[in-house]
Protein backbone atom coordinates (compact mmCIF):
# COMPACT_ATOMS: atom_id res chain seq x y z
CA MET A 1 3.87 -25.39 14.22
CA THR A 2 1.36 -22.65 14.53
CA THR A 3 0.53 -19.81 12.36
CA ALA A 4 0.08 -16.24 12.90
CA PHE A 5 -3.24 -16.16 11.54
CA GLU A 6 -4.26 -19.69 13.71
CA ALA A 7 -3.10 -17.50 16.39
CA HIS A 8 -5.26 -14.84 15.81
CA ASP A 9 -7.99 -17.27 15.01
CA ALA A 10 -7.26 -19.40 18.39
CA THR A 11 -7.25 -16.83 20.77
CA ALA A 12 -9.51 -14.36 19.05
CA ALA A 13 -11.97 -13.63 22.10
CA ALA A 14 -9.03 -12.50 24.43
CA LEU A 15 -7.17 -10.34 22.27
CA PRO A 16 -7.16 -7.06 23.36
CA ALA A 17 -8.62 -4.20 21.35
CA GLY A 18 -6.47 -2.82 18.38
CA GLY A 19 -5.83 1.04 19.86
CA ALA A 20 -4.14 -1.01 22.30
CA LEU A 21 -1.77 -1.43 20.52
CA LEU A 22 -1.86 2.01 18.41
CA ALA A 23 -1.86 3.71 21.58
CA ALA A 24 1.44 2.06 22.56
CA TYR A 25 2.69 3.13 18.67
CA ARG A 26 6.10 4.87 19.31
CA PRO A 27 8.01 5.65 15.59
CA GLY A 28 11.60 4.63 15.60
CA PRO A 29 13.89 2.63 13.62
CA SER A 30 12.67 -0.61 15.50
CA THR A 31 9.24 -0.31 15.68
CA ALA A 32 6.69 -1.52 13.09
CA PHE A 33 2.40 -1.28 13.22
CA PHE A 34 0.30 -3.05 10.86
CA SER A 35 -3.26 -3.25 11.09
CA GLY A 36 -5.76 -4.49 8.39
CA PRO A 37 -9.40 -6.10 8.15
CA GLU A 38 -7.84 -9.38 10.19
CA HIS A 39 -5.99 -8.11 13.15
CA THR A 40 -3.16 -5.78 14.34
CA LEU A 41 0.10 -6.02 14.89
CA LEU A 42 3.05 -4.50 16.76
CA ALA A 43 6.47 -5.30 16.47
CA GLN A 44 9.30 -4.30 18.54
CA GLY A 45 12.89 -4.77 18.54
CA VAL A 46 15.39 -6.00 15.63
CA ARG A 47 16.49 -9.23 16.20
CA ARG A 48 17.54 -9.28 12.54
CA THR A 49 17.51 -7.06 9.68
CA VAL A 50 16.72 -8.66 6.37
CA PRO A 51 17.95 -6.13 3.52
CA ASP A 52 17.30 -8.65 0.89
CA PRO A 53 13.55 -10.20 0.38
CA ALA A 54 14.87 -13.28 -1.07
CA ALA A 55 17.17 -14.19 2.03
CA ALA A 56 14.14 -13.86 4.49
CA THR A 57 12.43 -17.65 4.27
CA ARG A 58 16.20 -18.49 5.75
CA LEU A 59 16.82 -15.85 7.88
CA LEU A 60 13.56 -16.42 9.38
CA ARG A 61 14.47 -20.12 10.27
CA GLU A 62 17.80 -19.85 12.11
CA ALA A 63 15.66 -16.98 13.85
CA ARG A 64 13.10 -19.93 15.66
CA THR A 65 13.80 -20.57 19.39
CA ALA A 66 12.27 -22.78 21.93
CA ALA A 67 9.86 -19.18 22.58
CA SER A 68 9.25 -18.31 19.00
CA ASP A 69 9.37 -21.18 16.77
CA ASN A 70 7.59 -18.67 14.20
CA PRO A 71 9.33 -15.40 14.16
CA ILE A 72 8.23 -13.21 11.61
CA VAL A 73 9.61 -10.65 9.15
CA VAL A 74 8.08 -7.44 8.91
CA GLY A 75 8.99 -4.20 6.72
CA ALA A 76 8.73 -2.43 3.10
CA ILE A 77 10.34 -3.66 0.13
CA PRO A 78 11.29 -0.34 -2.59
CA PHE A 79 9.46 -0.10 -5.63
CA ALA A 80 13.19 -0.13 -7.98
CA PRO A 81 15.36 -3.49 -8.58
CA GLY A 82 18.46 -3.79 -6.49
CA ARG A 83 17.45 -1.25 -3.47
CA PRO A 84 17.77 -2.72 -0.21
CA ALA A 85 15.07 -3.67 1.53
CA ARG A 86 13.72 -2.01 5.28
CA LEU A 87 13.01 -5.93 6.98
CA PHE A 88 13.76 -6.41 10.12
CA ILE A 89 13.10 -9.64 12.52
CA PRO A 90 11.60 -8.32 15.56
CA GLU A 91 12.31 -9.47 19.26
CA GLU A 92 8.49 -8.86 19.92
CA VAL A 93 5.70 -9.24 18.53
CA ARG A 94 2.01 -8.29 20.02
CA ARG A 95 -1.02 -8.94 18.10
CA ALA A 96 -4.82 -8.16 18.90
CA ALA A 97 -8.35 -7.64 17.05
CA PRO A 98 -8.54 -5.29 13.90
CA VAL A 99 -8.31 -1.33 15.18
CA GLY A 100 -11.67 -0.59 12.91
CA GLU A 101 -13.29 -2.90 14.92
CA ASP A 102 -12.31 -1.17 18.33
CA PRO A 103 -15.32 1.01 19.64
CA LEU A 104 -12.86 3.71 21.42
CA LEU A 105 -12.39 4.79 17.28
CA GLN A 106 -15.59 6.31 17.66
CA LEU A 107 -14.69 8.40 20.45
CA PRO A 108 -14.08 12.06 19.86
CA MET A 109 -10.48 12.63 19.44
CA ASP A 110 -8.33 15.73 19.52
CA PRO A 111 -8.13 17.62 15.81
CA PRO A 112 -3.90 17.62 14.73
CA ARG A 113 -1.28 20.22 15.87
CA ASP A 114 -2.29 23.82 14.62
CA LEU A 115 0.73 23.90 12.33
CA THR A 116 1.13 25.86 8.97
CA TRP A 117 2.71 23.00 6.63
CA ALA A 118 4.58 24.95 3.87
CA GLN A 119 3.64 23.02 0.67
CA GLN A 120 6.10 22.65 -2.50
CA PRO A 121 4.42 20.53 -5.67
CA VAL A 122 7.29 17.79 -6.60
CA PRO A 123 6.96 18.56 -9.91
CA ALA A 124 4.61 21.42 -10.39
CA PRO A 125 1.43 20.74 -11.99
CA GLN A 126 2.73 22.03 -15.21
CA GLY A 127 5.53 19.53 -15.38
CA TYR A 128 2.86 16.62 -14.41
CA LEU A 129 0.60 17.59 -16.96
CA ASP A 130 3.74 17.70 -19.49
CA ALA A 131 4.94 14.26 -18.52
CA VAL A 132 1.39 13.12 -19.01
CA ALA A 133 0.86 14.66 -22.17
CA GLU A 134 4.86 12.95 -23.37
CA VAL A 135 3.51 9.45 -22.42
CA VAL A 136 0.68 9.73 -24.14
CA ARG A 137 2.40 10.85 -27.42
CA LEU A 138 4.44 7.61 -26.75
CA MET A 139 2.01 5.88 -26.83
CA ALA A 140 0.54 6.32 -30.36
CA GLY A 141 3.76 5.78 -32.01
CA ASP A 142 4.30 2.71 -29.55
CA PRO A 143 1.66 0.43 -29.37
CA GLU A 144 3.11 -2.33 -27.28
CA LEU A 145 3.46 0.19 -24.70
CA SER A 146 -0.01 0.31 -22.80
CA LYS A 147 0.24 1.95 -19.62
CA VAL A 148 2.61 3.94 -17.23
CA VAL A 149 2.17 4.76 -13.70
CA LEU A 150 3.44 8.33 -12.65
CA ALA A 151 3.60 9.98 -9.85
CA ARG A 152 3.66 13.25 -8.26
CA THR A 153 4.65 13.88 -4.77
CA LEU A 154 3.92 16.91 -2.25
CA GLU A 155 6.19 18.11 0.10
CA LEU A 156 5.03 19.53 4.06
CA THR A 157 7.02 20.91 5.88
CA ALA A 158 6.48 22.49 9.64
CA PRO A 159 8.48 23.05 12.98
CA GLY A 160 8.36 19.43 14.53
CA GLY A 161 6.63 17.89 11.96
CA ALA A 162 4.07 15.64 12.05
CA ASP A 163 2.55 13.55 15.34
CA LEU A 164 2.81 10.01 13.74
CA PRO A 165 0.42 8.42 16.36
CA THR A 166 -2.44 10.63 15.83
CA MET A 167 -1.80 10.44 12.56
CA LEU A 168 -2.21 6.98 12.16
CA HIS A 169 -5.65 7.61 14.11
CA ARG A 170 -6.77 9.96 11.73
CA LEU A 171 -6.13 7.14 8.84
CA ILE A 172 -7.70 4.25 10.23
CA ARG A 173 -10.63 6.65 11.45
CA ARG A 174 -10.83 7.49 7.55
CA ASP A 175 -10.84 3.68 6.13
CA PRO A 176 -11.19 1.61 9.10
CA ARG A 177 -11.01 -1.04 6.43
CA GLY A 178 -8.18 -0.97 4.90
CA TYR A 179 -4.24 -1.93 5.15
CA THR A 180 -3.18 1.11 7.61
CA PHE A 181 1.10 1.22 8.39
CA ALA A 182 4.07 2.57 10.11
CA VAL A 183 7.53 0.82 8.93
CA PRO A 184 11.25 2.35 9.36
CA ALA A 185 12.10 3.82 6.38
CA GLY A 186 15.95 4.38 7.20
CA GLY A 187 17.85 6.49 9.35
CA ASP A 188 15.43 8.40 11.18
CA ALA A 189 12.74 8.34 8.42
CA THR A 190 9.12 6.37 9.05
CA LEU A 191 7.07 5.52 6.19
CA VAL A 192 3.79 5.88 7.18
CA GLY A 193 0.18 5.06 5.19
CA ALA A 194 -3.30 3.58 4.43
CA SER A 195 -3.60 1.68 1.24
CA PRO A 196 -6.34 -0.08 0.31
CA GLU A 197 -4.79 -2.48 -2.37
CA LEU A 198 -4.07 -5.98 -0.85
CA LEU A 199 -0.80 -7.38 -3.29
CA VAL A 200 -1.31 -10.75 -1.84
CA SER A 201 -2.19 -12.70 1.04
CA ARG A 202 -1.39 -16.72 2.23
CA ARG A 203 -3.42 -18.37 4.92
CA GLY A 204 -2.66 -22.25 4.57
CA GLY A 205 -2.99 -23.02 1.32
CA ASN A 206 -5.27 -20.29 0.43
CA VAL A 207 -3.86 -17.18 -1.45
CA VAL A 208 -5.48 -14.09 -2.43
CA SER A 209 -5.05 -11.11 -4.07
CA ASN A 210 -6.74 -7.95 -4.75
CA PRO A 211 -5.47 -6.06 -7.66
CA LEU A 212 -7.04 -2.18 -8.22
CA ALA A 213 -6.77 0.15 -11.04
CA GLY A 214 -9.46 2.14 -12.72
CA SER A 215 -9.98 4.90 -9.97
CA ALA A 216 -12.39 8.23 -9.35
CA ALA A 217 -12.72 10.76 -6.80
CA ARG A 218 -15.58 10.42 -4.31
CA SER A 219 -18.41 13.72 -3.97
CA ALA A 220 -19.63 14.61 -1.08
CA ASP A 221 -23.26 14.99 -3.05
CA VAL A 222 -24.79 11.18 -2.55
CA ALA A 223 -26.35 11.75 -5.74
CA GLU A 224 -23.38 12.44 -8.25
CA ASP A 225 -20.96 9.91 -5.64
CA MET A 226 -23.32 7.38 -7.03
CA ARG A 227 -22.86 8.47 -10.82
CA ARG A 228 -19.13 8.71 -10.66
CA ALA A 229 -19.30 5.32 -9.24
CA ALA A 230 -21.56 4.07 -11.95
CA GLU A 231 -19.57 5.83 -14.55
CA LEU A 232 -16.15 4.23 -13.31
CA LEU A 233 -17.84 0.51 -13.64
CA GLU A 234 -18.89 1.20 -17.81
CA SER A 235 -15.71 3.29 -18.05
CA PRO A 236 -14.18 1.78 -20.97
CA LYS A 237 -10.78 3.76 -20.21
CA ASP A 238 -10.54 2.44 -17.06
CA LEU A 239 -11.72 -0.79 -17.38
CA ALA A 240 -8.76 -1.67 -19.96
CA GLU A 241 -6.76 -0.29 -17.38
CA HIS A 242 -8.31 -2.83 -14.80
CA ALA A 243 -7.55 -5.62 -17.24
CA PHE A 244 -4.00 -5.03 -17.65
CA VAL A 245 -3.40 -5.21 -13.83
CA VAL A 246 -5.86 -8.49 -13.45
CA ASP A 247 -4.35 -10.19 -16.27
CA ALA A 248 -0.28 -9.79 -14.87
CA VAL A 249 -1.78 -10.90 -11.51
CA ARG A 250 -3.23 -13.87 -13.14
CA ARG A 251 -0.15 -14.92 -15.26
CA ALA A 252 2.02 -13.98 -11.94
CA LEU A 253 0.23 -16.64 -9.44
CA GLU A 254 -0.27 -19.24 -12.09
CA PRO A 255 2.77 -20.48 -11.62
CA TYR A 256 2.27 -21.02 -7.90
CA CYS A 257 -1.52 -21.60 -7.41
CA ASP A 258 -4.13 -24.41 -8.79
CA ASP A 259 -8.08 -23.51 -8.89
CA LEU A 260 -6.75 -20.36 -10.06
CA VAL A 261 -10.42 -18.28 -9.84
CA VAL A 262 -10.26 -14.78 -11.50
CA PRO A 263 -13.95 -13.00 -12.01
CA GLU A 264 -14.67 -11.66 -15.76
CA ARG A 265 -15.87 -8.43 -14.67
CA PRO A 266 -14.61 -5.92 -11.56
CA THR A 267 -16.82 -4.65 -8.72
CA LEU A 268 -15.93 -1.20 -6.86
CA ILE A 269 -14.78 -0.40 -3.40
CA ARG A 270 -14.27 2.68 -1.96
CA THR A 271 -12.26 4.85 0.58
CA ALA A 272 -12.81 8.16 2.09
CA ALA A 273 -11.30 9.69 -1.17
CA MET A 274 -11.80 7.48 -4.13
CA TRP A 275 -13.74 4.70 -5.90
CA HIS A 276 -11.45 1.85 -7.31
CA LEU A 277 -12.24 -0.59 -9.82
CA SER A 278 -11.32 -4.15 -7.75
CA THR A 279 -11.07 -7.76 -8.80
CA THR A 280 -10.64 -10.44 -5.85
CA VAL A 281 -8.28 -13.38 -7.14
CA THR A 282 -8.01 -16.28 -5.17
CA GLY A 283 -5.96 -20.13 -5.59
CA THR A 284 -4.97 -22.58 -3.64
CA LEU A 285 -1.21 -22.84 -3.04
CA ARG A 286 0.40 -25.60 -5.08
CA ASP A 287 3.67 -25.93 -3.06
CA GLN A 288 3.73 -25.32 0.67
CA ASP A 289 7.18 -23.98 0.50
CA THR A 290 5.96 -20.99 -1.60
CA SER A 291 5.72 -18.10 1.42
CA ALA A 292 3.36 -15.10 0.84
CA LEU A 293 6.36 -13.18 0.76
CA ASP A 294 7.71 -15.33 -2.65
CA LEU A 295 4.50 -14.68 -4.23
CA ALA A 296 4.72 -10.95 -3.13
CA LEU A 297 8.00 -10.62 -4.90
CA ALA A 298 6.68 -13.02 -7.98
CA LEU A 299 3.99 -10.25 -8.25
CA HIS A 300 5.70 -6.95 -7.45
CA PRO A 301 6.01 -4.75 -9.47
CA THR A 302 2.08 -4.88 -10.63
CA PRO A 303 1.28 -2.77 -13.87
CA ALA A 304 -1.20 -0.80 -10.96
CA VAL A 305 2.31 0.87 -10.23
CA CYS A 306 4.47 0.54 -13.26
CA GLY A 307 2.83 -0.08 -16.45
CA THR A 308 2.89 -2.31 -18.95
CA PRO A 309 5.30 -3.77 -20.77
CA THR A 310 6.90 -3.38 -17.28
CA ASP A 311 10.79 -2.56 -17.95
CA ARG A 312 9.63 0.09 -20.71
CA ALA A 313 7.28 1.82 -18.29
CA ARG A 314 9.81 1.74 -15.41
CA ASP A 315 12.30 3.23 -17.82
CA LEU A 316 9.79 6.02 -18.59
CA ILE A 317 9.36 6.59 -14.63
CA GLY A 318 12.28 7.10 -14.23
CA THR A 319 13.16 9.39 -17.17
CA LEU A 320 9.79 11.61 -16.41
CA GLU A 321 9.25 11.16 -12.60
CA PRO A 322 11.94 14.17 -10.53
CA PHE A 323 12.32 12.29 -7.61
CA ASP A 324 13.03 8.66 -5.80
CA ARG A 325 10.47 6.91 -5.20
CA GLY A 326 11.86 4.96 -2.58
CA LEU A 327 9.74 2.73 -1.02
CA TYR A 328 6.06 4.12 -2.40
CA THR A 329 4.56 1.79 -4.75
CA GLY A 330 7.08 -0.97 -3.23
CA VAL A 331 5.40 -3.55 -0.63
CA VAL A 332 4.83 -3.37 3.21
CA GLY A 333 3.54 -6.03 5.49
CA TRP A 334 4.67 -9.56 7.28
CA GLY A 335 5.02 -12.88 6.77
CA ASP A 336 5.87 -15.29 9.41
CA ALA A 337 8.41 -18.64 9.39
CA ALA A 338 5.55 -21.25 8.72
CA GLY A 339 5.18 -18.89 5.18
CA ASP A 340 1.56 -17.12 6.14
CA GLY A 341 1.70 -13.36 5.46
CA GLU A 342 -0.26 -10.25 3.66
CA TRP A 343 1.98 -7.58 1.89
CA VAL A 344 0.10 -4.60 0.84
CA VAL A 345 0.55 -2.07 -2.24
CA THR A 346 2.55 0.93 -0.55
CA LEU A 347 -0.08 3.40 -1.51
CA ARG A 348 -1.82 6.54 -0.04
CA CYS A 349 1.32 6.89 2.05
CA ALA A 350 4.01 9.28 2.94
CA GLU A 351 7.69 9.48 4.23
CA ALA A 352 7.88 11.22 7.77
CA GLU A 353 11.57 12.11 8.65
CA GLY A 354 12.09 15.97 11.10
CA ASP A 355 10.00 18.46 10.11
CA ARG A 356 9.46 16.95 6.52
CA LEU A 357 6.72 14.90 5.13
CA ARG A 358 6.82 13.71 1.92
CA LEU A 359 3.18 12.64 0.42
CA TYR A 360 2.98 10.34 -2.94
CA ALA A 361 -0.11 9.86 -5.44
CA GLY A 362 -0.11 8.36 -8.74
CA ALA A 363 -2.28 7.94 -11.85
CA GLY A 364 -2.67 5.35 -14.33
CA VAL A 365 -1.94 7.19 -17.84
CA VAL A 366 -3.40 5.10 -20.79
CA ALA A 367 -3.55 6.07 -24.39
CA ALA A 368 -6.97 7.51 -23.76
CA SER A 369 -5.88 9.90 -20.68
CA ARG A 370 -6.40 13.41 -20.24
CA PRO A 371 -3.42 15.20 -18.59
CA GLU A 372 -5.88 17.32 -16.75
CA HIS A 373 -8.12 14.14 -15.59
CA GLU A 374 -4.65 12.46 -14.06
CA LEU A 375 -3.59 15.43 -12.08
CA ALA A 376 -7.56 16.42 -10.29
CA GLU A 377 -7.05 11.92 -9.68
CA THR A 378 -3.85 12.32 -7.98
CA GLY A 379 -5.15 15.30 -6.13
CA ALA A 380 -7.72 13.63 -4.80
CA LYS A 381 -5.36 10.94 -3.65
CA PHE A 382 -3.18 13.46 -1.57
CA ARG A 383 -6.55 14.38 0.22
CA THR A 384 -6.06 11.36 2.21
CA PHE A 385 -2.89 12.36 4.18
CA LEU A 386 -3.93 16.31 4.00
CA HIS A 387 -6.87 15.65 6.18
CA ALA A 388 -4.73 13.62 8.88
CA VAL A 389 -2.72 16.92 9.08
CA GLY A 390 -6.01 18.94 9.35
CA LEU A 391 -4.95 20.07 5.35
CA GLU A 392 -7.55 19.81 2.85
CA ASP A 393 -6.02 21.80 -0.01
CA THR A 394 -3.63 20.56 -2.73
CA LYS A 395 -1.65 22.92 -5.29
């Protein structure tokens, strides 16, 4: 059986430019777009829905036909347990080279439609500051509570809503080495985003996870930008936050992997808006029957999107966040019947439906957190999408 990764390697020279699939994308309940550093995927038509991720392997095997002996499942898994996934096995899958490598991406493009976007933060900034302060207060009396990731939303509304293909194009241009996606989110809604964080990939026997935690906003001034990067790399607060996540990833992968390599110190990666502490964890799969999706479910949710301990952090999130996260901080990606796949953490994302575009951003709260700093961090993370719709300021 040929895996999706092997098919990409075998025909790399013949693959069309990723921009062709981006141009062909049209949002809808039966279309998914996913682009990363390895390749681009456009899935169309629904052969079968997969509401339960645990059933994906069985359903993929049942979906094999003479024409497709290695079907894929694609879509998104929510943050909260027990909620239905938005996964499906497509009728048709087209593959291309990474969109970020397409030379046509360098050509000028039309600006976003000139819309007047109404902005409504949920919660209001003061409400978010109060929630962060409450978590810090609780940590002072509960030494086992090490981290809680608190999010907020920014709801944008404008007549006609967002032009999703143009938004995808702008997101890819802004961070061409990231993971960009647009998948059905239920009903007429679409989840669109540009995540920097690979939860896990499986390629044959090779497993890779790239947890990110600890962040600093970029600066347009080069000297200040470098100062912020250096400060992040030595920040006790951010290094401690990062260590929680890396340790959780290590413990989750140990039952499945041999030769697990976990670097002692993080490095830095950058997006257009943020610096992040990054650790690349690698291993060799112990059992070939363990799929990339199995590994993703074992890892999800990491402390990078929930907290430590998981159950306590999740309870506090449900109490303090005045909205339902839905697919935000879940998992999005694809996996094939051979077990290979790529699943990324659903960050830097928005849910688009009709006139509305709901943006999400979160920050990890630890005992040393200062509420105003976490508010500023979420504001910086909103900039990825505000740029995509032609806005720059947050409220």
